[in-house]
Amino acid sequence: MANPAITLDVDGRGVRLSSPDKVYFPELGLTKRDVAEYMLAVGPGLLGALRGRPTTMERWPGGVGGEESFYQKRLPKAVPEWVGRATITFPSGRTAETVCPDDLATVLWMLNLGTLRFHPWPVRGTAPDLVDELRLDLDPQPGTGFEDAVAAALELRGVLTELGLTGFVKTSGGRGVHVYAPVGPTDFIDARHAAIAIGRELARRMPDRVTVNWWKEERGERIFVDINQMARDRLMTSAYSIRPTELARVSAPLTWDELPDADPAAYTVVTMPARFAAVGDPWAALATTPPASLAPALAWYDRDAAAGEGEMPYPPEYPKMPGEPPRVQPSRARQQPGEASG
C-alpha cells in the first residue's frame, strides 16, 4: 500500500516528510511521523543545540534495526536553497560543505533523510576554526555505570567553577554524561589542551574513579574523560538527539539539581515532549551565558607539561601532531626487540 509523503508546516515553511508511516522504532511502534512530532515538540531546545553550527548527520533511513546507518558530513546532492550551510576543514586539511542549521525547518529536513542523531561542531559556521564550546565526555568503562559518571560530573562542576567556567550537564543517551561550557573563541589545539588539563585535575581528585588514559588497557574500572572529543572533527551527539536503540532514549539536558537522581532510561522520544512542555529547556541559558577564558585551564596544562605531563595521543586517523607521544599502546611499547608481538 502506498505511503504518500506529507508536508509539515515548520514555522511557516513547508517541509516534505516522505514515508511518514515507516516504522523507525519497532519495539515501540514509533513511526517517522512520530519522530517528527517529537522534534517539533522539543524544537526550541533541539534548534538551540544546532543553530549556526556545522552539523554531521547520523542517518538511519530504514529506521532502527533496518538498513545500515551512516554518517554524512557533506551536503547531499539535492538540497533546498533555504538549508543553511558552512565550510569545514578536516584534520587532513581537506574541506567540505556541510549542513549548518539556521531554523527548525532544516532540522526536520535532516530528519526526512533519516537523521536521528545530530553531531554539531563546537564552532560557528561563521568562524569554523574557532571553538566556542568546551565539551567534556564522561564515558563509563566496563565495571562502571551512569551513577559513577554522575559522581564524576558533580566533581567536574567544581573544577570548572574554579576555572571560571559555567558547566551545563546532559545525559549522553546511554550510560555517559556530557558537560559543556561556553568559552571565548579559541583554536582546536588550545581547546583540547584545556580539556586535557581539566581531565587530569579531575583524575587527581578522584584517582580511583576517573582516568584520562587514552589506552583502554590502562583505564581500569573508572570513568574515562575522553579528551579527544575536543579534537577537530570528533563530535558529540547534540542535546535532544535520539539514541538509535529500540527504546529511543534521547540525550537529555538536565539541571545540576536533577542530576543526582536522574535515570537516563526516563528520557525518551515518548516522555520528553511532556517534560519539555512542563519545564522547558534546562540548557536555554547556555546561549546567553557569557563565554569564559580558557587561560586558567591552559595555565594548568603548561604546569603539567613542565612536570612531564604534556601532549597526549590523537585519534589514529589524525596526521602526526606537534609534541605528540607515539601512538603505540603501552604493552606493545614495553616489548623488547626480538620479542613476539603476539
C-alpha atoms as a PDB file:
ATOM      1  CA  MET A   1       0.000   0.000   0.000  1.00  0.00           C
ATOM      2  CA  ALA A   2       1.312   3.445  -0.895  1.00  0.00           C
ATOM      3  CA  ASN A   3       2.645   5.594   1.922  1.00  0.00           C
ATOM      4  CA  PRO A   4       2.326   9.090   0.465  1.00  0.00           C
ATOM      5  CA  ALA A   5       4.501  11.964   1.602  1.00  0.00           C
ATOM      6  CA  ILE A   6       3.061  14.726   3.763  1.00  0.00           C
ATOM      7  CA  THR A   7       4.076  18.343   4.166  1.00  0.00           C
ATOM      8  CA  LEU A   8       4.813  19.715   7.617  1.00  0.00           C
ATOM      9  CA  ASP A   9       4.358  23.394   8.403  1.00  0.00           C
ATOM     10  CA  VAL A  10       7.507  24.282  10.322  1.00  0.00           C
ATOM     11  CA  ASP A  11       7.418  27.917  11.394  1.00  0.00           C
ATOM     12  CA  GLY A  12       5.754  28.864   8.141  1.00  0.00           C
ATOM     13  CA  ARG A  13       7.955  26.776   5.872  1.00  0.00           C
ATOM     14  CA  GLY A  14       6.697  23.627   4.201  1.00  0.00           C
ATOM     15  CA  VAL A  15       8.937  20.599   4.780  1.00  0.00           C
ATOM     16  CA  ARG A  16       8.290  17.366   2.921  1.00  0.00           C
ATOM     17  CA  LEU A  17       8.200  14.188   5.013  1.00  0.00           C
ATOM     18  CA  SER A  18       8.332  11.079   2.865  1.00  0.00           C
ATOM     19  CA  SER A  19       7.014   7.700   4.077  1.00  0.00           C
ATOM     20  CA  PRO A  20       5.613   9.178   7.307  1.00  0.00           C
ATOM     21  CA  ASP A  21       4.204   5.826   8.436  1.00  0.00           C
ATOM     22  CA  LYS A  22       7.504   3.965   8.097  1.00  0.00           C
ATOM     23  CA  VAL A  23       8.283   2.374  11.460  1.00  0.00           C
ATOM     24  CA  TYR A  24      11.522   3.786  12.886  1.00  0.00           C
ATOM     25  CA  PHE A  25      11.440   2.132  16.320  1.00  0.00           C
ATOM     26  CA  PRO A  26       9.758  -1.291  16.008  1.00  0.00           C
ATOM     27  CA  GLU A  27       9.839  -2.094  19.727  1.00  0.00           C
ATOM     28  CA  LEU A  28       7.739   1.000  20.480  1.00  0.00           C
ATOM     29  CA  GLY A  29       5.857   1.179  17.189  1.00  0.00           C
ATOM     30  CA  LEU A  30       7.122   4.706  16.584  1.00  0.00           C
ATOM     31  CA  THR A  31       6.937   5.951  13.016  1.00  0.00           C
ATOM     32  CA  LYS A  32       8.850   8.594  11.147  1.00  0.00           C
ATOM     33  CA  ARG A  33       5.876  10.910  11.718  1.00  0.00           C
ATOM     34  CA  ASP A  34       6.119  10.251  15.475  1.00  0.00           C
ATOM     35  CA  VAL A  35       9.795  11.185  15.401  1.00  0.00           C
ATOM     36  CA  ALA A  36       8.929  14.376  13.520  1.00  0.00           C
ATOM     37  CA  GLU A  37       6.327  15.243  16.148  1.00  0.00           C
ATOM     38  CA  TYR A  38       8.926  14.674  18.868  1.00  0.00           C
ATOM     39  CA  MET A  39      11.377  17.018  17.159  1.00  0.00           C
ATOM     40  CA  LEU A  40       8.711  19.676  16.770  1.00  0.00           C
ATOM     41  CA  ALA A  41       7.746  19.331  20.437  1.00  0.00           C
ATOM     42  CA  VAL A  42      11.317  19.893  21.650  1.00  0.00           C
ATOM     43  CA  GLY A  43      12.132  22.149  18.712  1.00  0.00           C
ATOM     44  CA  PRO A  44      13.423  25.214  20.595  1.00  0.00           C
ATOM     45  CA  GLY A  45      15.871  23.074  22.559  1.00  0.00           C
ATOM     46  CA  LEU A  46      16.990  20.991  19.595  1.00  0.00           C
ATOM     47  CA  LEU A  47      17.478  24.045  17.407  1.00  0.00           C
ATOM     48  CA  GLY A  48      19.306  25.782  20.254  1.00  0.00           C
ATOM     49  CA  ALA A  49      21.837  22.956  20.241  1.00  0.00           C
ATOM     50  CA  LEU A  50      22.352  23.125  16.459  1.00  0.00           C
ATOM     51  CA  ARG A  51      21.722  26.687  15.331  1.00  0.00           C
ATOM     52  CA  GLY A  52      24.612  28.117  13.383  1.00  0.00           C
ATOM     53  CA  ARG A  53      26.808  25.054  13.912  1.00  0.00           C
ATOM     54  CA  PRO A  54      28.168  22.827  11.124  1.00  0.00           C
ATOM     55  CA  THR A  55      26.431  19.501  11.727  1.00  0.00           C
ATOM     56  CA  THR A  56      27.178  15.922  10.739  1.00  0.00           C
ATOM     57  CA  MET A  57      24.084  13.797  10.192  1.00  0.00           C
ATOM     58  CA  GLU A  58      23.828  10.252  11.550  1.00  0.00           C
ATOM     59  CA  ARG A  59      21.323   8.776   9.131  1.00  0.00           C
ATOM     60  CA  TRP A  60      19.098   5.748   9.725  1.00  0.00           C
ATOM     61  CA  PRO A  61      16.933   5.803   6.573  1.00  0.00           C
ATOM     62  CA  GLY A  62      15.458   2.365   7.272  1.00  0.00           C
ATOM     63  CA  GLY A  63      14.791   3.074  10.925  1.00  0.00           C
ATOM     64  CA  VAL A  64      16.455   1.358  13.860  1.00  0.00           C
ATOM     65  CA  GLY A  65      17.185  -2.253  13.011  1.00  0.00           C
ATOM     66  CA  GLY A  66      16.697  -1.565   9.319  1.00  0.00           C
ATOM     67  CA  GLU A  67      19.255  -0.952   6.640  1.00  0.00           C
ATOM     68  CA  GLU A  68      22.744   0.064   7.667  1.00  0.00           C
ATOM     69  CA  SER A  69      23.218   3.550   9.064  1.00  0.00           C
ATOM     70  CA  PHE A  70      25.906   6.009   8.030  1.00  0.00           C
ATOM     71  CA  TYR A  71      27.367   9.384   8.887  1.00  0.00           C
ATOM     72  CA  GLN A  72      27.031  12.162   6.333  1.00  0.00           C
ATOM     73  CA  LYS A  73      29.452  15.049   6.710  1.00  0.00           C
ATOM     74  CA  ARG A  74      28.993  16.620   3.280  1.00  0.00           C
ATOM     75  CA  LEU A  75      25.845  18.149   1.877  1.00  0.00           C
ATOM     76  CA  PRO A  76      23.731  15.761  -0.181  1.00  0.00           C
ATOM     77  CA  LYS A  77      23.415  16.498  -3.885  1.00  0.00           C
ATOM     78  CA  ALA A  78      19.838  17.777  -3.747  1.00  0.00           C
ATOM     79  CA  VAL A  79      19.467  20.464  -1.091  1.00  0.00           C
ATOM     80  CA  PRO A  80      16.725  23.108  -0.783  1.00  0.00           C
ATOM     81  CA  GLU A  81      18.107  26.602  -1.238  1.00  0.00           C
ATOM     82  CA  TRP A  82      16.949  27.612   2.236  1.00  0.00           C
ATOM     83  CA  VAL A  83      19.077  24.995   4.031  1.00  0.00           C
ATOM     84  CA  GLY A  84      21.968  26.665   5.877  1.00  0.00           C
ATOM     85  CA  ARG A  85      25.479  25.520   5.071  1.00  0.00           C
ATOM     86  CA  ALA A  86      29.086  26.106   6.101  1.00  0.00           C
ATOM     87  CA  THR A  87      32.560  25.032   5.029  1.00  0.00           C
ATOM     88  CA  ILE A  88      34.565  22.911   7.449  1.00  0.00           C
ATOM     89  CA  THR A  89      38.180  21.734   7.395  1.00  0.00           C
ATOM     90  CA  PHE A  90      39.075  18.154   8.313  1.00  0.00           C
ATOM     91  CA  PRO A  91      42.308  17.156  10.118  1.00  0.00           C
ATOM     92  CA  SER A  92      43.751  16.168   6.734  1.00  0.00           C
ATOM     93  CA  GLY A  93      43.361  19.757   5.517  1.00  0.00           C
ATOM     94  CA  ARG A  94      40.604  18.853   3.066  1.00  0.00           C
ATOM     95  CA  THR A  95      37.439  20.954   3.181  1.00  0.00           C
ATOM     96  CA  ALA A  96      33.757  20.176   2.734  1.00  0.00           C
ATOM     97  CA  GLU A  97      30.456  21.996   2.664  1.00  0.00           C
ATOM     98  CA  THR A  98      28.116  20.726   5.368  1.00  0.00           C
ATOM     99  CA  VAL A  99      24.679  21.462   6.796  1.00  0.00           C
ATOM    100  CA  CYS A 100      24.595  24.409   9.211  1.00  0.00           C
ATOM    101  CA  PRO A 101      21.030  24.761  10.547  1.00  0.00           C
ATOM    102  CA  ASP A 102      19.545  28.220  10.886  1.00  0.00           C
ATOM    103  CA  ASP A 103      15.970  27.129  11.520  1.00  0.00           C
ATOM    104  CA  LEU A 104      13.844  24.217  12.681  1.00  0.00           C
ATOM    105  CA  ALA A 105      12.740  23.516   9.116  1.00  0.00           C
ATOM    106  CA  THR A 106      16.322  22.497   8.314  1.00  0.00           C
ATOM    107  CA  VAL A 107      16.310  20.111  11.283  1.00  0.00           C
ATOM    108  CA  LEU A 108      13.113  18.450  10.016  1.00  0.00           C
ATOM    109  CA  TRP A 109      14.596  18.298   6.518  1.00  0.00           C
ATOM    110  CA  MET A 110      17.510  16.349   8.031  1.00  0.00           C
ATOM    111  CA  LEU A 111      15.047  14.026   9.745  1.00  0.00           C
ATOM    112  CA  ASN A 112      13.420  13.350   6.382  1.00  0.00           C
ATOM    113  CA  LEU A 113      16.800  11.965   5.295  1.00  0.00           C
ATOM    114  CA  GLY A 114      16.662   9.577   8.257  1.00  0.00           C
ATOM    115  CA  THR A 115      18.773  11.626  10.687  1.00  0.00           C
ATOM    116  CA  LEU A 116      18.208  10.592  14.300  1.00  0.00           C
ATOM    117  CA  ARG A 117      21.398  11.889  15.883  1.00  0.00           C
ATOM    118  CA  PHE A 118      22.900  15.268  15.147  1.00  0.00           C
ATOM    119  CA  HIS A 119      26.606  15.856  15.680  1.00  0.00           C
ATOM    120  CA  PRO A 120      27.279  19.613  15.718  1.00  0.00           C
ATOM    121  CA  TRP A 121      30.793  21.029  15.689  1.00  0.00           C
ATOM    122  CA  PRO A 122      31.816  23.103  18.748  1.00  0.00           C
ATOM    123  CA  VAL A 123      32.211  26.089  16.420  1.00  0.00           C
ATOM    124  CA  ARG A 124      30.034  28.502  14.489  1.00  0.00           C
ATOM    125  CA  GLY A 125      29.658  28.297  10.751  1.00  0.00           C
ATOM    126  CA  THR A 126      30.815  31.904  10.562  1.00  0.00           C
ATOM    127  CA  ALA A 127      34.095  31.014  12.356  1.00  0.00           C
ATOM    128  CA  PRO A 128      34.609  27.283  11.709  1.00  0.00           C
ATOM    129  CA  ASP A 129      38.143  27.136  13.142  1.00  0.00           C
ATOM    130  CA  LEU A 130      37.336  28.749  16.495  1.00  0.00           C
ATOM    131  CA  VAL A 131      35.901  26.629  19.295  1.00  0.00           C
ATOM    132  CA  ASP A 132      33.268  28.358  21.429  1.00  0.00           C
ATOM    133  CA  GLU A 133      32.040  25.353  23.465  1.00  0.00           C
ATOM    134  CA  LEU A 134      34.288  23.246  25.663  1.00  0.00           C
ATOM    135  CA  ARG A 135      32.809  19.729  25.685  1.00  0.00           C
ATOM    136  CA  LEU A 136      33.741  17.034  28.195  1.00  0.00           C
ATOM    137  CA  ASP A 137      32.624  13.435  27.711  1.00  0.00           C
ATOM    138  CA  LEU A 138      32.465  11.273  30.845  1.00  0.00           C
ATOM    139  CA  ASP A 139      32.459   7.755  29.432  1.00  0.00           C
ATOM    140  CA  PRO A 140      31.825   4.760  31.736  1.00  0.00           C
ATOM    141  CA  GLN A 141      34.250   1.885  31.213  1.00  0.00           C
ATOM    142  CA  PRO A 142      33.416  -1.775  31.895  1.00  0.00           C
ATOM    143  CA  GLY A 143      32.614  -2.213  35.574  1.00  0.00           C
ATOM    144  CA  THR A 144      31.231   1.322  35.932  1.00  0.00           C
ATOM    145  CA  GLY A 145      27.870   2.865  35.166  1.00  0.00           C
ATOM    146  CA  PHE A 146      25.806   6.009  34.987  1.00  0.00           C
ATOM    147  CA  GLU A 147      25.982   6.621  38.735  1.00  0.00           C
ATOM    148  CA  ASP A 148      29.784   6.734  38.505  1.00  0.00           C
ATOM    149  CA  ALA A 149      29.582   9.242  35.650  1.00  0.00           C
ATOM    150  CA  VAL A 150      27.223  11.354  37.763  1.00  0.00           C
ATOM    151  CA  ALA A 151      29.700  11.410  40.662  1.00  0.00           C
ATOM    152  CA  ALA A 152      32.472  12.464  38.279  1.00  0.00           C
ATOM    153  CA  ALA A 153      30.275  15.163  36.732  1.00  0.00           C
ATOM    154  CA  LEU A 154      29.440  16.681  40.112  1.00  0.00           C
ATOM    155  CA  GLU A 155      33.140  16.883  40.969  1.00  0.00           C
ATOM    156  CA  LEU A 156      33.855  18.248  37.498  1.00  0.00           C
ATOM    157  CA  ARG A 157      31.387  21.058  38.068  1.00  0.00           C
ATOM    158  CA  GLY A 158      33.530  22.239  40.967  1.00  0.00           C
ATOM    159  CA  VAL A 159      36.694  22.083  38.859  1.00  0.00           C
ATOM    160  CA  LEU A 160      35.046  24.181  36.156  1.00  0.00           C
ATOM    161  CA  THR A 161      33.836  26.709  38.705  1.00  0.00           C
ATOM    162  CA  GLU A 162      37.393  27.130  39.999  1.00  0.00           C
ATOM    163  CA  LEU A 163      38.435  27.948  36.429  1.00  0.00           C
ATOM    164  CA  GLY A 164      35.642  30.489  35.980  1.00  0.00           C
ATOM    165  CA  LEU A 165      33.703  28.203  33.620  1.00  0.00           C
ATOM    166  CA  THR A 166      29.955  27.562  33.768  1.00  0.00           C
ATOM    167  CA  GLY A 167      29.067  23.930  33.133  1.00  0.00           C
ATOM    168  CA  PHE A 168      25.861  22.577  31.610  1.00  0.00           C
ATOM    169  CA  VAL A 169      25.081  18.877  32.005  1.00  0.00           C
ATOM    170  CA  LYS A 170      23.138  16.306  29.980  1.00  0.00           C
ATOM    171  CA  THR A 171      22.804  12.575  29.630  1.00  0.00           C
ATOM    172  CA  SER A 172      24.549  11.082  26.615  1.00  0.00           C
ATOM    173  CA  GLY A 173      21.504   8.994  25.786  1.00  0.00           C
ATOM    174  CA  GLY A 174      23.369   5.967  27.096  1.00  0.00           C
ATOM    175  CA  ARG A 175      25.344   5.467  30.307  1.00  0.00           C
ATOM    176  CA  GLY A 176      27.533   8.537  29.984  1.00  0.00           C
ATOM    177  CA  VAL A 177      27.323  12.190  30.953  1.00  0.00           C
ATOM    178  CA  HIS A 178      28.268  15.215  28.855  1.00  0.00           C
ATOM    179  CA  VAL A 179      29.289  18.584  30.301  1.00  0.00           C
ATOM    180  CA  TYR A 180      29.557  21.707  28.134  1.00  0.00           C
ATOM    181  CA  ALA A 181      30.858  25.176  28.957  1.00  0.00           C
ATOM    182  CA  PRO A 182      30.723  28.325  26.776  1.00  0.00           C
ATOM    183  CA  VAL A 183      34.203  29.694  26.138  1.00  0.00           C
ATOM    184  CA  GLY A 184      35.806  32.582  24.320  1.00  0.00           C
ATOM    185  CA  PRO A 185      36.729  31.593  20.764  1.00  0.00           C
ATOM    186  CA  THR A 186      39.951  29.598  20.667  1.00  0.00           C
ATOM    187  CA  ASP A 187      41.644  27.177  18.314  1.00  0.00           C
ATOM    188  CA  PHE A 188      41.154  23.423  18.484  1.00  0.00           C
ATOM    189  CA  ILE A 189      44.599  22.693  19.907  1.00  0.00           C
ATOM    190  CA  ASP A 190      44.145  25.028  22.878  1.00  0.00           C
ATOM    191  CA  ALA A 191      40.603  23.734  23.460  1.00  0.00           C
ATOM    192  CA  ARG A 192      41.888  20.165  23.532  1.00  0.00           C
ATOM    193  CA  HIS A 193      44.771  21.121  25.824  1.00  0.00           C
ATOM    194  CA  ALA A 194      42.266  22.738  28.194  1.00  0.00           C
ATOM    195  CA  ALA A 195      40.229  19.528  28.183  1.00  0.00           C
ATOM    196  CA  ILE A 196      43.383  17.512  28.937  1.00  0.00           C
ATOM    197  CA  ALA A 197      44.259  19.775  31.875  1.00  0.00           C
ATOM    198  CA  ILE A 198      40.726  19.634  33.282  1.00  0.00           C
ATOM    199  CA  GLY A 199      40.556  15.872  32.860  1.00  0.00           C
ATOM    200  CA  ARG A 200      43.879  15.398  34.597  1.00  0.00           C
ATOM    201  CA  GLU A 201      42.809  17.581  37.508  1.00  0.00           C
ATOM    202  CA  LEU A 202      39.556  15.637  37.856  1.00  0.00           C
ATOM    203  CA  ALA A 203      41.518  12.359  37.795  1.00  0.00           C
ATOM    204  CA  ARG A 204      43.815  13.660  40.562  1.00  0.00           C
ATOM    205  CA  ARG A 205      40.811  14.412  42.734  1.00  0.00           C
ATOM    206  CA  MET A 206      39.126  11.076  42.001  1.00  0.00           C
ATOM    207  CA  PRO A 207      42.068   8.761  41.206  1.00  0.00           C
ATOM    208  CA  ASP A 208      40.155   5.548  41.839  1.00  0.00           C
ATOM    209  CA  ARG A 209      37.128   6.641  39.818  1.00  0.00           C
ATOM    210  CA  VAL A 210      38.356   8.803  36.912  1.00  0.00           C
ATOM    211  CA  THR A 211      41.071   8.492  34.266  1.00  0.00           C
ATOM    212  CA  VAL A 212      42.285  10.328  31.171  1.00  0.00           C
ATOM    213  CA  ASN A 213      44.376   7.399  29.959  1.00  0.00           C
ATOM    214  CA  TRP A 214      43.844   7.065  26.217  1.00  0.00           C
ATOM    215  CA  TRP A 215      44.777   3.381  26.091  1.00  0.00           C
ATOM    216  CA  LYS A 216      41.979   1.046  27.173  1.00  0.00           C
ATOM    217  CA  GLU A 217      44.392  -1.332  28.883  1.00  0.00           C
ATOM    218  CA  GLU A 218      45.254   1.460  31.365  1.00  0.00           C
ATOM    219  CA  ARG A 219      41.765   2.733  32.181  1.00  0.00           C
ATOM    220  CA  GLY A 220      40.560   0.076  34.595  1.00  0.00           C
ATOM    221  CA  GLU A 221      37.092   0.315  36.109  1.00  0.00           C
ATOM    222  CA  ARG A 222      36.979   4.096  36.003  1.00  0.00           C
ATOM    223  CA  ILE A 223      35.181   6.891  34.169  1.00  0.00           C
ATOM    224  CA  PHE A 224      37.184   7.907  31.118  1.00  0.00           C
ATOM    225  CA  VAL A 225      37.367  11.618  30.303  1.00  0.00           C
ATOM    226  CA  ASP A 226      37.577  11.388  26.511  1.00  0.00           C
ATOM    227  CA  ILE A 227      39.774  14.396  25.829  1.00  0.00           C
ATOM    228  CA  ASN A 228      39.917  13.662  22.102  1.00  0.00           C
ATOM    229  CA  GLN A 229      36.282  14.645  21.775  1.00  0.00           C
ATOM    230  CA  MET A 230      37.739  18.158  21.627  1.00  0.00           C
ATOM    231  CA  ALA A 231      39.912  17.309  18.635  1.00  0.00           C
ATOM    232  CA  ARG A 232      38.844  18.681  15.262  1.00  0.00           C
ATOM    233  CA  ASP A 233      36.027  16.646  13.656  1.00  0.00           C
ATOM    234  CA  ARG A 234      35.499  14.424  16.711  1.00  0.00           C
ATOM    235  CA  LEU A 235      31.909  15.264  17.547  1.00  0.00           C
ATOM    236  CA  MET A 236      29.464  14.594  20.374  1.00  0.00           C
ATOM    237  CA  THR A 237      25.761  13.979  19.957  1.00  0.00           C
ATOM    238  CA  SER A 238      23.611  17.069  20.446  1.00  0.00           C
ATOM    239  CA  ALA A 239      21.096  17.730  23.167  1.00  0.00           C
ATOM    240  CA  TYR A 240      17.725  16.135  22.282  1.00  0.00           C
ATOM    241  CA  SER A 241      19.266  13.793  19.701  1.00  0.00           C
ATOM    242  CA  ILE A 242      17.780  10.292  19.673  1.00  0.00           C
ATOM    243  CA  ARG A 243      19.909   7.262  20.512  1.00  0.00           C
ATOM    244  CA  PRO A 244      19.285   4.687  17.755  1.00  0.00           C
ATOM    245  CA  THR A 245      18.303   1.845  20.063  1.00  0.00           C
ATOM    246  CA  GLU A 246      14.984   0.109  20.474  1.00  0.00           C
ATOM    247  CA  LEU A 247      13.816   2.229  23.430  1.00  0.00           C
ATOM    248  CA  ALA A 248      14.508   5.565  21.693  1.00  0.00           C
ATOM    249  CA  ARG A 249      16.339   7.262  24.546  1.00  0.00           C
ATOM    250  CA  VAL A 250      17.418  10.837  23.991  1.00  0.00           C
ATOM    251  CA  SER A 251      20.330  12.968  25.134  1.00  0.00           C
ATOM    252  CA  ALA A 252      18.548  14.921  27.849  1.00  0.00           C
ATOM    253  CA  PRO A 253      19.678  18.309  29.195  1.00  0.00           C
ATOM    254  CA  LEU A 254      19.316  18.467  32.966  1.00  0.00           C
ATOM    255  CA  THR A 255      19.742  20.946  35.752  1.00  0.00           C
ATOM    256  CA  TRP A 256      22.553  20.199  38.158  1.00  0.00           C
ATOM    257  CA  ASP A 257      19.976  19.666  40.910  1.00  0.00           C
ATOM    258  CA  GLU A 258      18.295  16.958  38.815  1.00  0.00           C
ATOM    259  CA  LEU A 259      21.477  15.074  38.015  1.00  0.00           C
ATOM    260  CA  PRO A 260      21.989  13.068  41.245  1.00  0.00           C
ATOM    261  CA  ASP A 261      18.594  11.360  40.945  1.00  0.00           C
ATOM    262  CA  ALA A 262      18.408  11.189  37.154  1.00  0.00           C
ATOM    263  CA  ASP A 263      17.646   7.958  35.300  1.00  0.00           C
ATOM    264  CA  PRO A 264      18.788   8.046  31.653  1.00  0.00           C
ATOM    265  CA  ALA A 265      16.123   5.495  30.768  1.00  0.00           C
ATOM    266  CA  ALA A 266      13.427   8.009  31.732  1.00  0.00           C
ATOM    267  CA  TYR A 267      14.220  10.378  28.858  1.00  0.00           C
ATOM    268  CA  THR A 268      12.842   9.051  25.587  1.00  0.00           C
ATOM    269  CA  VAL A 269      11.063  10.171  22.441  1.00  0.00           C
ATOM    270  CA  VAL A 270       7.823   9.247  24.224  1.00  0.00           C
ATOM    271  CA  THR A 271       8.444  11.086  27.507  1.00  0.00           C
ATOM    272  CA  MET A 272      10.468  14.149  26.544  1.00  0.00           C
ATOM    273  CA  PRO A 273       7.689  16.206  24.892  1.00  0.00           C
ATOM    274  CA  ALA A 274       5.717  16.323  28.164  1.00  0.00           C
ATOM    275  CA  ARG A 275       8.859  17.152  30.120  1.00  0.00           C
ATOM    276  CA  PHE A 276       9.753  19.931  27.694  1.00  0.00           C
ATOM    277  CA  ALA A 277       6.232  21.373  27.896  1.00  0.00           C
ATOM    278  CA  ALA A 278       6.391  21.331  31.691  1.00  0.00           C
ATOM    279  CA  VAL A 279       9.921  22.570  32.441  1.00  0.00           C
ATOM    280  CA  GLY A 280      11.228  23.958  29.143  1.00  0.00           C
ATOM    281  CA  ASP A 281      14.855  23.645  28.112  1.00  0.00           C
ATOM    282  CA  PRO A 282      17.325  23.422  31.032  1.00  0.00           C
ATOM    283  CA  TRP A 283      20.033  24.474  28.570  1.00  0.00           C
ATOM    284  CA  ALA A 284      18.288  27.629  27.358  1.00  0.00           C
ATOM    285  CA  ALA A 285      20.716  29.761  29.383  1.00  0.00           C
ATOM    286  CA  LEU A 286      23.743  28.271  27.599  1.00  0.00           C
ATOM    287  CA  ALA A 287      23.217  30.634  24.678  1.00  0.00           C
ATOM    288  CA  THR A 288      23.238  33.727  26.901  1.00  0.00           C
ATOM    289  CA  THR A 289      25.917  32.708  29.419  1.00  0.00           C
ATOM    290  CA  PRO A 290      28.992  34.913  28.931  1.00  0.00           C
ATOM    291  CA  PRO A 291      31.845  32.913  27.408  1.00  0.00           C
ATOM    292  CA  ALA A 292      34.797  32.427  29.737  1.00  0.00           C
ATOM    293  CA  SER A 293      38.504  32.400  29.018  1.00  0.00           C
ATOM    294  CA  LEU A 294      40.408  29.128  28.823  1.00  0.00           C
ATOM    295  CA  ALA A 295      43.591  30.853  30.049  1.00  0.00           C
ATOM    296  CA  PRO A 296      43.384  29.373  33.594  1.00  0.00           C
ATOM    297  CA  ALA A 297      42.924  25.837  32.215  1.00  0.00           C
ATOM    298  CA  LEU A 298      45.794  26.361  29.780  1.00  0.00           C
ATOM    299  CA  ALA A 299      47.966  27.507  32.673  1.00  0.00           C
ATOM    300  CA  TRP A 300      47.241  24.146  34.303  1.00  0.00           C
ATOM    301  CA  TYR A 301      48.247  22.430  31.055  1.00  0.00           C
ATOM    302  CA  ASP A 302      51.547  24.329  30.983  1.00  0.00           C
ATOM    303  CA  ARG A 303      52.149  23.460  34.655  1.00  0.00           C
ATOM    304  CA  ASP A 304      51.604  19.775  33.936  1.00  0.00           C
ATOM    305  CA  ALA A 305      53.770  19.889  30.809  1.00  0.00           C
ATOM    306  CA  ALA A 306      56.620  21.372  32.848  1.00  0.00           C
ATOM    307  CA  ALA A 307      56.248  18.413  35.215  1.00  0.00           C
ATOM    308  CA  GLY A 308      56.483  15.936  32.335  1.00  0.00           C
ATOM    309  CA  GLU A 309      52.793  15.518  31.533  1.00  0.00           C
ATOM    310  CA  GLY A 310      52.272  17.242  28.214  1.00  0.00           C
ATOM    311  CA  GLU A 311      50.651  16.237  24.946  1.00  0.00           C
ATOM    312  CA  MET A 312      48.574  13.077  24.635  1.00  0.00           C
ATOM    313  CA  PRO A 313      47.919  10.786  21.636  1.00  0.00           C
ATOM    314  CA  TYR A 314      45.498  11.993  18.993  1.00  0.00           C
ATOM    315  CA  PRO A 315      42.938   9.716  17.304  1.00  0.00           C
ATOM    316  CA  PRO A 316      44.513   7.278  14.831  1.00  0.00           C
ATOM    317  CA  GLU A 317      43.162   8.988  11.705  1.00  0.00           C
ATOM    318  CA  TYR A 318      44.991  12.228  12.519  1.00  0.00           C
ATOM    319  CA  PRO A 319      48.296  13.294  10.987  1.00  0.00           C
ATOM    320  CA  LYS A 320      51.152  13.277  13.465  1.00  0.00           C
ATOM    321  CA  MET A 321      50.731  16.341  15.687  1.00  0.00           C
ATOM    322  CA  PRO A 322      53.465  18.528  17.259  1.00  0.00           C
ATOM    323  CA  GLY A 323      54.751  17.156  20.553  1.00  0.00           C
ATOM    324  CA  GLU A 324      52.539  14.082  20.362  1.00  0.00           C
ATOM    325  CA  PRO A 325      53.851  10.895  22.013  1.00  0.00           C
ATOM    326  CA  PRO A 326      53.992   7.664  19.996  1.00  0.00           C
ATOM    327  CA  ARG A 327      50.621   6.136  19.162  1.00  0.00           C
ATOM    328  CA  VAL A 328      51.637   2.747  20.495  1.00  0.00           C
ATOM    329  CA  GLN A 329      49.769   1.088  23.314  1.00  0.00           C
ATOM    330  CA  PRO A 330      51.960   0.754  26.413  1.00  0.00           C
ATOM    331  CA  SER A 331      52.060  -3.065  26.446  1.00  0.00           C
ATOM    332  CA  ARG A 332      53.444  -3.080  22.900  1.00  0.00           C
ATOM    333  CA  ALA A 333      55.888  -0.261  23.607  1.00  0.00           C
ATOM    334  CA  ARG A 334      57.358  -2.252  26.505  1.00  0.00           C
ATOM    335  CA  GLN A 335      58.235  -5.215  24.303  1.00  0.00           C
ATOM    336  CA  GLN A 336      61.940  -5.665  23.824  1.00  0.00           C
ATOM    337  CA  PRO A 337      63.449  -6.007  20.329  1.00  0.00           C
ATOM    338  CA  GLY A 338      63.014  -9.533  19.072  1.00  0.00           C
ATOM    339  CA  GLU A 339      60.046 -10.284  21.310  1.00  0.00           C
ATOM    340  CA  ALA A 340      57.000 -11.704  19.610  1.00  0.00           C
ATOM    341  CA  SER A 341      54.286  -9.160  19.144  1.00  0.00           C
ATOM    342  CA  GLY A 342      51.536 -11.730  19.525  1.00  0.00           C
END
